[in-house]
Amino acid sequence: MQEPARPFRLWPIALLGGLLPLLATAIAFGLSVRLQLIPPCNPFLDGCASISRAARHDLPNIVFRALLLPAAVLQCMCWLLCPEWLRSLGAARDWRQRVLPWLGLAAAAFLVLYGTFLGTDGVGYRWMRRYGVVFYFGSTCIGMLIVAGEMQRLVRKPRHERWLAHAVVALCAALPLLGLVHVLVPLALPGPTVRDALENVTEWWGGAIFTLFFFVLAWAWRATSFSARLGSDVS
């Protein structure tokens, strides 16, 4: 006898996809300060250390990787589920939805690469940090833009939460502005120390924007009752 399929709410996947990197970074930063591996400061304003430096050594590195690697899997699941969610809201099948899973796989792969090799030395680590972070940020940013565009088209229907679409669009708009600050402001700043601090600040704010995106996505999935149905056969 087959039991009726039970709805399984999917919004916790998006919530954990944003929460785990947040916890990983906050815990690693706090431990690194406590162990005197980095100076105490507000990294969002002072830029005393990058996320990578805060999680590069000893216990902070272990905790950071233990939380970041499952977060990569959860974020990938979000991108795999996003096309189905958009179609449940009335979106037509198109190339954008076909691209989203591939962007998610790429972003997750580079986030795993980053987390796996964080704390190592040499040319390989420098390549990983430079290109792993860039491709993760780039893939995630493109995915955000696609989701924001689809939500803007669907939000005209009265049954959808309008502010959710606006929130995603605002986050997408903040990313290129942050990129411009990262590229242009150092040209007017004296010395490599100040430029490094600005680079660290923009890295922290970029990570915060990505975290907020997954929080908003979780809220959107919850508000629209996005779920999967699970069934089992019982003889």
C-alpha atoms as a PDB file:
ATOM      1  CA  MET A   1       0.000   0.000   0.000  1.00  0.00           C
ATOM      2  CA  GLN A   2       1.349   3.386  -0.967  1.00  0.00           C
ATOM      3  CA  GLU A   3       1.086   6.222   1.514  1.00  0.00           C
ATOM      4  CA  PRO A   4      -0.027   9.627   0.204  1.00  0.00           C
ATOM      5  CA  ALA A   5       2.893  11.802  -0.805  1.00  0.00           C
ATOM      6  CA  ARG A   6       3.836  14.231   1.923  1.00  0.00           C
ATOM      7  CA  PRO A   7       4.933  17.782   1.135  1.00  0.00           C
ATOM      8  CA  PHE A   8       8.484  18.579   2.217  1.00  0.00           C
ATOM      9  CA  ARG A   9       9.247  22.281   2.535  1.00  0.00           C
ATOM     10  CA  LEU A  10      12.470  23.222   0.765  1.00  0.00           C
ATOM     11  CA  TRP A  11      13.178  26.665   2.230  1.00  0.00           C
ATOM     12  CA  PRO A  12      15.517  25.272   4.975  1.00  0.00           C
ATOM     13  CA  ILE A  13      17.938  24.251   2.215  1.00  0.00           C
ATOM     14  CA  ALA A  14      18.329  27.863   1.093  1.00  0.00           C
ATOM     15  CA  LEU A  15      18.458  29.069   4.709  1.00  0.00           C
ATOM     16  CA  LEU A  16      21.282  26.686   5.591  1.00  0.00           C
ATOM     17  CA  GLY A  17      23.026  27.504   2.294  1.00  0.00           C
ATOM     18  CA  GLY A  18      23.426  31.067   3.553  1.00  0.00           C
ATOM     19  CA  LEU A  19      23.725  30.364   7.275  1.00  0.00           C
ATOM     20  CA  LEU A  20      26.590  27.858   7.200  1.00  0.00           C
ATOM     21  CA  PRO A  21      29.073  30.180   5.407  1.00  0.00           C
ATOM     22  CA  LEU A  22      28.056  32.967   7.777  1.00  0.00           C
ATOM     23  CA  LEU A  23      28.726  30.783  10.815  1.00  0.00           C
ATOM     24  CA  ALA A  24      31.954  29.454   9.299  1.00  0.00           C
ATOM     25  CA  THR A  25      33.312  32.949   8.716  1.00  0.00           C
ATOM     26  CA  ALA A  26      32.157  34.402  12.043  1.00  0.00           C
ATOM     27  CA  ILE A  27      33.510  31.494  14.096  1.00  0.00           C
ATOM     28  CA  ALA A  28      36.822  31.399  12.212  1.00  0.00           C
ATOM     29  CA  PHE A  29      37.295  35.148  12.607  1.00  0.00           C
ATOM     30  CA  GLY A  30      36.507  35.033  16.326  1.00  0.00           C
ATOM     31  CA  LEU A  31      38.854  32.107  16.932  1.00  0.00           C
ATOM     32  CA  SER A  32      41.664  33.733  14.935  1.00  0.00           C
ATOM     33  CA  VAL A  33      41.364  36.902  17.012  1.00  0.00           C
ATOM     34  CA  ARG A  34      41.301  34.878  20.224  1.00  0.00           C
ATOM     35  CA  LEU A  35      44.386  32.906  19.137  1.00  0.00           C
ATOM     36  CA  GLN A  36      46.095  36.180  18.106  1.00  0.00           C
ATOM     37  CA  LEU A  37      46.425  35.037  14.501  1.00  0.00           C
ATOM     38  CA  ILE A  38      44.855  38.303  13.299  1.00  0.00           C
ATOM     39  CA  PRO A  39      44.341  41.652  15.048  1.00  0.00           C
ATOM     40  CA  PRO A  40      40.940  42.482  16.529  1.00  0.00           C
ATOM     41  CA  CYS A  41      38.975  44.855  14.311  1.00  0.00           C
ATOM     42  CA  ASN A  42      35.777  45.328  12.345  1.00  0.00           C
ATOM     43  CA  PRO A  43      36.619  43.663   9.002  1.00  0.00           C
ATOM     44  CA  PHE A  44      33.695  45.361   7.249  1.00  0.00           C
ATOM     45  CA  LEU A  45      35.220  48.769   7.983  1.00  0.00           C
ATOM     46  CA  ASP A  46      38.912  48.298   8.781  1.00  0.00           C
ATOM     47  CA  GLY A  47      39.837  45.482   6.408  1.00  0.00           C
ATOM     48  CA  CYS A  48      42.500  44.217   8.802  1.00  0.00           C
ATOM     49  CA  ALA A  49      42.235  40.673   7.421  1.00  0.00           C
ATOM     50  CA  SER A  50      40.646  38.894   4.512  1.00  0.00           C
ATOM     51  CA  ILE A  51      38.221  36.014   4.976  1.00  0.00           C
ATOM     52  CA  SER A  52      40.952  33.683   3.755  1.00  0.00           C
ATOM     53  CA  ARG A  53      43.474  34.936   6.303  1.00  0.00           C
ATOM     54  CA  ALA A  54      40.948  34.653   9.136  1.00  0.00           C
ATOM     55  CA  ALA A  55      40.387  30.968   8.290  1.00  0.00           C
ATOM     56  CA  ARG A  56      43.837  29.916   7.103  1.00  0.00           C
ATOM     57  CA  HIS A  57      45.477  28.327  10.142  1.00  0.00           C
ATOM     58  CA  ASP A  58      44.928  25.858  12.985  1.00  0.00           C
ATOM     59  CA  LEU A  59      41.478  25.405  14.556  1.00  0.00           C
ATOM     60  CA  PRO A  60      39.825  28.268  12.624  1.00  0.00           C
ATOM     61  CA  ASN A  61      40.786  26.508   9.382  1.00  0.00           C
ATOM     62  CA  ILE A  62      39.285  23.196  10.519  1.00  0.00           C
ATOM     63  CA  VAL A  63      35.993  24.774  11.623  1.00  0.00           C
ATOM     64  CA  PHE A  64      35.755  26.923   8.510  1.00  0.00           C
ATOM     65  CA  ARG A  65      36.207  24.021   6.110  1.00  0.00           C
ATOM     66  CA  ALA A  66      33.892  21.755   8.113  1.00  0.00           C
ATOM     67  CA  LEU A  67      31.046  24.249   7.607  1.00  0.00           C
ATOM     68  CA  LEU A  68      31.938  25.622   4.180  1.00  0.00           C
ATOM     69  CA  LEU A  69      32.074  22.333   2.278  1.00  0.00           C
ATOM     70  CA  PRO A  70      28.515  21.205   3.139  1.00  0.00           C
ATOM     71  CA  ALA A  71      27.388  24.772   2.433  1.00  0.00           C
ATOM     72  CA  ALA A  72      28.698  24.386  -1.132  1.00  0.00           C
ATOM     73  CA  VAL A  73      26.481  21.304  -1.575  1.00  0.00           C
ATOM     74  CA  LEU A  74      23.435  23.132  -0.188  1.00  0.00           C
ATOM     75  CA  GLN A  75      23.991  26.152  -2.425  1.00  0.00           C
ATOM     76  CA  CYS A  76      24.312  23.878  -5.432  1.00  0.00           C
ATOM     77  CA  MET A  77      20.994  22.256  -4.488  1.00  0.00           C
ATOM     78  CA  CYS A  78      19.411  25.724  -4.388  1.00  0.00           C
ATOM     79  CA  TRP A  79      20.467  26.450  -7.958  1.00  0.00           C
ATOM     80  CA  LEU A  80      19.262  23.024  -9.086  1.00  0.00           C
ATOM     81  CA  LEU A  81      15.868  23.681  -7.479  1.00  0.00           C
ATOM     82  CA  CYS A  82      15.456  27.292  -8.620  1.00  0.00           C
ATOM     83  CA  PRO A  83      14.162  26.448 -12.149  1.00  0.00           C
ATOM     84  CA  GLU A  84      11.401  24.260 -10.698  1.00  0.00           C
ATOM     85  CA  TRP A  85      10.484  26.990  -8.222  1.00  0.00           C
ATOM     86  CA  LEU A  86      10.288  29.621 -10.953  1.00  0.00           C
ATOM     87  CA  ARG A  87       8.100  27.341 -13.065  1.00  0.00           C
ATOM     88  CA  SER A  88       5.820  26.795 -10.066  1.00  0.00           C
ATOM     89  CA  LEU A  89       5.280  30.564 -10.061  1.00  0.00           C
ATOM     90  CA  GLY A  90       4.342  30.589 -13.733  1.00  0.00           C
ATOM     91  CA  ALA A  91       7.662  31.113 -15.499  1.00  0.00           C
ATOM     92  CA  ALA A  92       7.965  29.566 -18.948  1.00  0.00           C
ATOM     93  CA  ARG A  93      10.828  27.167 -19.677  1.00  0.00           C
ATOM     94  CA  ASP A  94      13.697  29.038 -21.329  1.00  0.00           C
ATOM     95  CA  TRP A  95      17.480  29.091 -21.623  1.00  0.00           C
ATOM     96  CA  ARG A  96      17.874  30.994 -18.359  1.00  0.00           C
ATOM     97  CA  GLN A  97      16.423  28.153 -16.358  1.00  0.00           C
ATOM     98  CA  ARG A  98      18.619  25.667 -18.191  1.00  0.00           C
ATOM     99  CA  VAL A  99      21.709  27.729 -17.331  1.00  0.00           C
ATOM    100  CA  LEU A 100      21.001  28.017 -13.592  1.00  0.00           C
ATOM    101  CA  PRO A 101      21.930  24.410 -12.643  1.00  0.00           C
ATOM    102  CA  TRP A 102      25.217  24.657 -14.546  1.00  0.00           C
ATOM    103  CA  LEU A 103      26.041  27.934 -12.805  1.00  0.00           C
ATOM    104  CA  GLY A 104      25.268  26.278  -9.485  1.00  0.00           C
ATOM    105  CA  LEU A 105      27.520  23.326 -10.237  1.00  0.00           C
ATOM    106  CA  ALA A 106      30.361  25.657 -11.267  1.00  0.00           C
ATOM    107  CA  ALA A 107      29.948  27.856  -8.182  1.00  0.00           C
ATOM    108  CA  ALA A 108      29.869  24.845  -5.872  1.00  0.00           C
ATOM    109  CA  ALA A 109      32.925  23.266  -7.512  1.00  0.00           C
ATOM    110  CA  PHE A 110      35.006  26.413  -7.076  1.00  0.00           C
ATOM    111  CA  LEU A 111      33.771  26.913  -3.512  1.00  0.00           C
ATOM    112  CA  VAL A 112      34.826  23.335  -2.708  1.00  0.00           C
ATOM    113  CA  LEU A 113      38.182  24.016  -4.385  1.00  0.00           C
ATOM    114  CA  TYR A 114      38.614  27.131  -2.258  1.00  0.00           C
ATOM    115  CA  GLY A 115      37.671  25.386   0.986  1.00  0.00           C
ATOM    116  CA  THR A 116      39.737  22.281   0.295  1.00  0.00           C
ATOM    117  CA  PHE A 117      43.010  24.070  -0.375  1.00  0.00           C
ATOM    118  CA  LEU A 118      42.590  26.929   2.095  1.00  0.00           C
ATOM    119  CA  GLY A 119      45.598  26.935   4.400  1.00  0.00           C
ATOM    120  CA  THR A 120      48.076  25.456   1.952  1.00  0.00           C
ATOM    121  CA  ASP A 121      51.055  27.343   0.554  1.00  0.00           C
ATOM    122  CA  GLY A 122      52.660  27.821  -2.811  1.00  0.00           C
ATOM    123  CA  VAL A 123      51.625  28.722  -6.329  1.00  0.00           C
ATOM    124  CA  GLY A 124      48.673  26.331  -6.259  1.00  0.00           C
ATOM    125  CA  TYR A 125      47.134  28.092  -3.288  1.00  0.00           C
ATOM    126  CA  ARG A 126      47.576  31.534  -4.862  1.00  0.00           C
ATOM    127  CA  TRP A 127      45.929  30.296  -8.063  1.00  0.00           C
ATOM    128  CA  MET A 128      43.111  28.746  -6.057  1.00  0.00           C
ATOM    129  CA  ARG A 129      42.452  31.896  -4.084  1.00  0.00           C
ATOM    130  CA  ARG A 130      42.586  34.193  -7.093  1.00  0.00           C
ATOM    131  CA  TYR A 131      40.555  32.114  -9.539  1.00  0.00           C
ATOM    132  CA  GLY A 132      38.488  29.963  -7.180  1.00  0.00           C
ATOM    133  CA  VAL A 133      37.025  32.985  -5.444  1.00  0.00           C
ATOM    134  CA  VAL A 134      36.571  34.911  -8.700  1.00  0.00           C
ATOM    135  CA  PHE A 135      34.708  32.089 -10.443  1.00  0.00           C
ATOM    136  CA  TYR A 136      32.580  31.348  -7.373  1.00  0.00           C
ATOM    137  CA  PHE A 137      31.625  35.016  -7.024  1.00  0.00           C
ATOM    138  CA  GLY A 138      31.060  35.352 -10.776  1.00  0.00           C
ATOM    139  CA  SER A 139      28.888  32.230 -11.142  1.00  0.00           C
ATOM    140  CA  THR A 140      26.826  33.099  -8.091  1.00  0.00           C
ATOM    141  CA  CYS A 141      26.369  36.689  -9.244  1.00  0.00           C
ATOM    142  CA  ILE A 142      25.095  35.594 -12.669  1.00  0.00           C
ATOM    143  CA  GLY A 143      22.699  33.155 -11.014  1.00  0.00           C
ATOM    144  CA  MET A 144      21.391  35.945  -8.790  1.00  0.00           C
ATOM    145  CA  LEU A 145      20.808  38.171 -11.810  1.00  0.00           C
ATOM    146  CA  ILE A 146      18.826  35.452 -13.591  1.00  0.00           C
ATOM    147  CA  VAL A 147      16.654  34.786 -10.539  1.00  0.00           C
ATOM    148  CA  ALA A 148      16.126  38.529 -10.008  1.00  0.00           C
ATOM    149  CA  GLY A 149      15.048  39.019 -13.617  1.00  0.00           C
ATOM    150  CA  GLU A 150      12.584  36.130 -13.476  1.00  0.00           C
ATOM    151  CA  MET A 151      11.146  37.359 -10.183  1.00  0.00           C
ATOM    152  CA  GLN A 152      10.671  40.848 -11.587  1.00  0.00           C
ATOM    153  CA  ARG A 153       8.586  39.424 -14.421  1.00  0.00           C
ATOM    154  CA  LEU A 154       6.530  37.222 -12.113  1.00  0.00           C
ATOM    155  CA  VAL A 155       5.998  39.789  -9.379  1.00  0.00           C
ATOM    156  CA  ARG A 156       3.336  41.538 -11.452  1.00  0.00           C
ATOM    157  CA  LYS A 157       0.974  38.789 -10.435  1.00  0.00           C
ATOM    158  CA  PRO A 158      -0.759  39.873  -7.224  1.00  0.00           C
ATOM    159  CA  ARG A 159      -0.298  36.585  -5.390  1.00  0.00           C
ATOM    160  CA  HIS A 160       3.487  37.039  -5.141  1.00  0.00           C
ATOM    161  CA  GLU A 161       5.365  39.041  -2.541  1.00  0.00           C
ATOM    162  CA  ARG A 162       6.574  42.166  -4.325  1.00  0.00           C
ATOM    163  CA  TRP A 163       9.259  43.067  -1.806  1.00  0.00           C
ATOM    164  CA  LEU A 164      11.045  39.750  -2.324  1.00  0.00           C
ATOM    165  CA  ALA A 165      11.776  40.580  -5.952  1.00  0.00           C
ATOM    166  CA  HIS A 166      12.883  44.088  -5.029  1.00  0.00           C
ATOM    167  CA  ALA A 167      15.220  42.701  -2.366  1.00  0.00           C
ATOM    168  CA  VAL A 168      16.919  40.350  -4.846  1.00  0.00           C
ATOM    169  CA  VAL A 169      17.272  43.160  -7.405  1.00  0.00           C
ATOM    170  CA  ALA A 170      18.807  45.436  -4.749  1.00  0.00           C
ATOM    171  CA  LEU A 171      21.351  42.776  -3.829  1.00  0.00           C
ATOM    172  CA  CYS A 172      22.229  42.288  -7.513  1.00  0.00           C
ATOM    173  CA  ALA A 173      22.668  46.057  -7.939  1.00  0.00           C
ATOM    174  CA  ALA A 174      24.973  46.211  -4.911  1.00  0.00           C
ATOM    175  CA  LEU A 175      27.429  43.704  -6.376  1.00  0.00           C
ATOM    176  CA  PRO A 176      28.575  45.737  -9.439  1.00  0.00           C
ATOM    177  CA  LEU A 177      28.755  48.855  -7.275  1.00  0.00           C
ATOM    178  CA  LEU A 178      31.002  46.946  -4.903  1.00  0.00           C
ATOM    179  CA  GLY A 179      33.083  45.836  -7.877  1.00  0.00           C
ATOM    180  CA  LEU A 180      33.517  49.422  -9.051  1.00  0.00           C
ATOM    181  CA  VAL A 181      34.685  50.440  -5.582  1.00  0.00           C
ATOM    182  CA  HIS A 182      37.113  47.529  -5.596  1.00  0.00           C
ATOM    183  CA  VAL A 183      38.586  48.536  -8.973  1.00  0.00           C
ATOM    184  CA  LEU A 184      38.459  52.338  -9.005  1.00  0.00           C
ATOM    185  CA  VAL A 185      38.995  53.518  -5.436  1.00  0.00           C
ATOM    186  CA  PRO A 186      42.468  51.916  -5.029  1.00  0.00           C
ATOM    187  CA  LEU A 187      43.671  54.072  -7.928  1.00  0.00           C
ATOM    188  CA  ALA A 188      43.297  57.103  -5.685  1.00  0.00           C
ATOM    189  CA  LEU A 189      44.722  55.499  -2.538  1.00  0.00           C
ATOM    190  CA  PRO A 190      48.388  55.696  -1.522  1.00  0.00           C
ATOM    191  CA  GLY A 191      50.363  52.565  -0.717  1.00  0.00           C
ATOM    192  CA  PRO A 192      49.690  48.835  -0.951  1.00  0.00           C
ATOM    193  CA  THR A 193      48.583  48.564   2.684  1.00  0.00           C
ATOM    194  CA  VAL A 194      45.551  50.784   2.144  1.00  0.00           C
ATOM    195  CA  ARG A 195      44.702  49.035  -1.110  1.00  0.00           C
ATOM    196  CA  ASP A 196      44.914  45.610   0.552  1.00  0.00           C
ATOM    197  CA  ALA A 197      42.610  46.817   3.321  1.00  0.00           C
ATOM    198  CA  LEU A 198      40.055  47.992   0.751  1.00  0.00           C
ATOM    199  CA  GLU A 199      40.270  44.668  -1.064  1.00  0.00           C
ATOM    200  CA  ASN A 200      39.566  42.895   2.226  1.00  0.00           C
ATOM    201  CA  VAL A 201      36.606  45.164   2.972  1.00  0.00           C
ATOM    202  CA  THR A 202      35.000  44.524  -0.411  1.00  0.00           C
ATOM    203  CA  GLU A 203      35.534  40.774   0.044  1.00  0.00           C
ATOM    204  CA  TRP A 204      33.675  40.827   3.366  1.00  0.00           C
ATOM    205  CA  TRP A 205      30.803  42.879   1.959  1.00  0.00           C
ATOM    206  CA  GLY A 206      30.587  40.640  -1.112  1.00  0.00           C
ATOM    207  CA  GLY A 207      30.301  37.562   1.103  1.00  0.00           C
ATOM    208  CA  ALA A 208      27.600  39.292   3.157  1.00  0.00           C
ATOM    209  CA  ILE A 209      25.572  40.064   0.015  1.00  0.00           C
ATOM    210  CA  PHE A 210      25.686  36.425  -1.074  1.00  0.00           C
ATOM    211  CA  THR A 211      24.555  35.335   2.396  1.00  0.00           C
ATOM    212  CA  LEU A 212      21.631  37.764   2.263  1.00  0.00           C
ATOM    213  CA  PHE A 213      20.632  36.425  -1.149  1.00  0.00           C
ATOM    214  CA  PHE A 214      20.183  32.886   0.181  1.00  0.00           C
ATOM    215  CA  PHE A 215      18.259  34.253   3.182  1.00  0.00           C
ATOM    216  CA  VAL A 216      15.903  36.135   0.846  1.00  0.00           C
ATOM    217  CA  LEU A 217      15.596  33.048  -1.357  1.00  0.00           C
ATOM    218  CA  ALA A 218      14.646  30.984   1.710  1.00  0.00           C
ATOM    219  CA  TRP A 219      11.999  33.567   2.611  1.00  0.00           C
ATOM    220  CA  ALA A 220      10.665  33.513  -0.959  1.00  0.00           C
ATOM    221  CA  TRP A 221      10.448  29.716  -1.001  1.00  0.00           C
ATOM    222  CA  ARG A 222       8.645  29.773   2.342  1.00  0.00           C
ATOM    223  CA  ALA A 223       6.260  32.556   1.265  1.00  0.00           C
ATOM    224  CA  THR A 224       5.335  30.678  -1.917  1.00  0.00           C
ATOM    225  CA  SER A 225       5.080  27.276  -0.161  1.00  0.00           C
ATOM    226  CA  PHE A 226       7.703  25.735  -2.433  1.00  0.00           C
ATOM    227  CA  SER A 227       7.924  22.052  -1.565  1.00  0.00           C
ATOM    228  CA  ALA A 228       8.626  18.575  -2.851  1.00  0.00           C
ATOM    229  CA  ARG A 229       6.489  15.525  -2.246  1.00  0.00           C
ATOM    230  CA  LEU A 230       7.927  12.414  -0.644  1.00  0.00           C
ATOM    231  CA  GLY A 231       6.191   9.058  -0.737  1.00  0.00           C
ATOM    232  CA  SER A 232       6.955   5.539   0.407  1.00  0.00           C
ATOM    233  CA  ASP A 233       5.649   2.086  -0.296  1.00  0.00           C
ATOM    234  CA  VAL A 234       4.402   0.146   2.714  1.00  0.00           C
ATOM    235  CA  SER A 235       3.345  -3.445   2.212  1.00  0.00           C
END
